[in-house]
């Protein structure tokens, strides 16, 4: 399992959080998604044999939320 943390611009509404969590959770290979509203971060755990951090980033960007940086561990 790999983990990734995306640093985002500050979130402005709780519906943004749900939209991101639901979309990223649907990506094949994602086990867990947590959006941290106050810190503007999205943390995800995924199976690197099924997807990668770039695919998760693209899913978030397609929703209209810019990713400022990411850290994969």
C-alpha atoms as a PDB file:
ATOM      1  CA  UNK A   1       0.000   0.000   0.000  1.00  0.00           C
ATOM      2  CA  UNK A   2       1.093   3.514  -0.727  1.00  0.00           C
ATOM      3  CA  UNK A   3      -0.129   6.752   0.779  1.00  0.00           C
ATOM      4  CA  UNK A   4      -0.364  10.172  -0.792  1.00  0.00           C
ATOM      5  CA  UNK A   5      -1.142  13.567   0.691  1.00  0.00           C
ATOM      6  CA  UNK A   6      -2.337  16.345  -1.596  1.00  0.00           C
ATOM      7  CA  UNK A   7      -2.027  19.951  -0.433  1.00  0.00           C
ATOM      8  CA  UNK A   8      -4.958  21.953  -1.717  1.00  0.00           C
ATOM      9  CA  UNK A   9      -6.275  25.471  -1.548  1.00  0.00           C
ATOM     10  CA  UNK A  10      -8.475  25.963   1.539  1.00  0.00           C
ATOM     11  CA  UNK A  11     -11.876  24.315   1.217  1.00  0.00           C
ATOM     12  CA  UNK A  12     -14.901  26.579   1.432  1.00  0.00           C
ATOM     13  CA  UNK A  13     -17.803  24.174   1.901  1.00  0.00           C
ATOM     14  CA  UNK A  14     -18.548  20.722   3.320  1.00  0.00           C
ATOM     15  CA  UNK A  15     -20.037  19.597  -0.002  1.00  0.00           C
ATOM     16  CA  UNK A  16     -16.568  20.016  -1.578  1.00  0.00           C
ATOM     17  CA  UNK A  17     -15.241  17.496   0.930  1.00  0.00           C
ATOM     18  CA  UNK A  18     -17.919  14.905   0.112  1.00  0.00           C
ATOM     19  CA  UNK A  19     -17.496  15.397  -3.636  1.00  0.00           C
ATOM     20  CA  UNK A  20     -13.724  14.781  -3.435  1.00  0.00           C
ATOM     21  CA  UNK A  21     -14.051  11.817  -1.046  1.00  0.00           C
ATOM     22  CA  UNK A  22     -16.707  10.118  -3.179  1.00  0.00           C
ATOM     23  CA  UNK A  23     -14.848  10.631  -6.467  1.00  0.00           C
ATOM     24  CA  UNK A  24     -11.427   9.480  -5.231  1.00  0.00           C
ATOM     25  CA  UNK A  25     -12.963   6.490  -3.404  1.00  0.00           C
ATOM     26  CA  UNK A  26     -14.383   5.245  -6.731  1.00  0.00           C
ATOM     27  CA  UNK A  27     -10.913   4.964  -8.303  1.00  0.00           C
ATOM     28  CA  UNK A  28      -9.986   1.265  -8.516  1.00  0.00           C
ATOM     29  CA  UNK A  29      -7.353   0.393  -5.921  1.00  0.00           C
ATOM     30  CA  UNK A  30      -8.174   3.166  -3.430  1.00  0.00           C
ATOM     31  CA  UNK A  31      -8.672   1.831   0.103  1.00  0.00           C
ATOM     32  CA  UNK A  32      -9.188   4.991   2.112  1.00  0.00           C
ATOM     33  CA  UNK A  33      -9.732   8.692   1.447  1.00  0.00           C
ATOM     34  CA  UNK A  34      -9.759  11.416   4.086  1.00  0.00           C
ATOM     35  CA  UNK A  35     -10.297  15.079   3.315  1.00  0.00           C
ATOM     36  CA  UNK A  36      -9.037  17.361   6.073  1.00  0.00           C
ATOM     37  CA  UNK A  37     -11.250  20.416   5.729  1.00  0.00           C
ATOM     38  CA  UNK A  38      -9.367  22.774   8.066  1.00  0.00           C
ATOM     39  CA  UNK A  39      -5.876  22.062   6.731  1.00  0.00           C
ATOM     40  CA  UNK A  40      -6.826  21.848   3.038  1.00  0.00           C
ATOM     41  CA  UNK A  41      -5.361  18.384   2.577  1.00  0.00           C
ATOM     42  CA  UNK A  42      -6.534  15.167   0.986  1.00  0.00           C
ATOM     43  CA  UNK A  43      -4.966  11.925   2.216  1.00  0.00           C
ATOM     44  CA  UNK A  44      -5.462   8.635   0.377  1.00  0.00           C
ATOM     45  CA  UNK A  45      -4.207   5.083   0.685  1.00  0.00           C
ATOM     46  CA  UNK A  46      -4.063   3.023  -2.498  1.00  0.00           C
ATOM     47  CA  UNK A  47      -2.813  -0.198  -4.050  1.00  0.00           C
ATOM     48  CA  UNK A  48       0.057   0.834  -6.322  1.00  0.00           C
ATOM     49  CA  UNK A  49      -0.507  -2.197  -8.565  1.00  0.00           C
ATOM     50  CA  UNK A  50      -3.953  -0.831  -9.537  1.00  0.00           C
ATOM     51  CA  UNK A  51      -3.506   2.955  -9.617  1.00  0.00           C
ATOM     52  CA  UNK A  52      -1.025   5.714  -8.859  1.00  0.00           C
ATOM     53  CA  UNK A  53      -0.911   9.141  -7.246  1.00  0.00           C
ATOM     54  CA  UNK A  54      -1.172  10.880 -10.628  1.00  0.00           C
ATOM     55  CA  UNK A  55      -4.506   9.177 -11.359  1.00  0.00           C
ATOM     56  CA  UNK A  56      -5.865  10.326  -7.993  1.00  0.00           C
ATOM     57  CA  UNK A  57      -4.590  13.844  -8.598  1.00  0.00           C
ATOM     58  CA  UNK A  58      -6.271  13.888 -12.012  1.00  0.00           C
ATOM     59  CA  UNK A  59      -9.586  12.808 -10.459  1.00  0.00           C
ATOM     60  CA  UNK A  60      -9.411  15.754  -8.033  1.00  0.00           C
ATOM     61  CA  UNK A  61      -8.356  18.263 -10.705  1.00  0.00           C
ATOM     62  CA  UNK A  62     -11.198  17.136 -13.008  1.00  0.00           C
ATOM     63  CA  UNK A  63     -13.612  18.166 -10.246  1.00  0.00           C
ATOM     64  CA  UNK A  64     -12.188  21.683 -10.435  1.00  0.00           C
ATOM     65  CA  UNK A  65      -9.956  21.678  -7.355  1.00  0.00           C
ATOM     66  CA  UNK A  66      -6.317  22.592  -8.024  1.00  0.00           C
ATOM     67  CA  UNK A  67      -3.666  20.464  -6.322  1.00  0.00           C
ATOM     68  CA  UNK A  68      -0.823  22.643  -5.048  1.00  0.00           C
ATOM     69  CA  UNK A  69       1.560  19.787  -4.203  1.00  0.00           C
ATOM     70  CA  UNK A  70       1.638  16.098  -3.380  1.00  0.00           C
ATOM     71  CA  UNK A  71       3.765  13.808  -1.251  1.00  0.00           C
ATOM     72  CA  UNK A  72       3.787  10.069  -1.864  1.00  0.00           C
ATOM     73  CA  UNK A  73       5.041   7.657   0.795  1.00  0.00           C
END
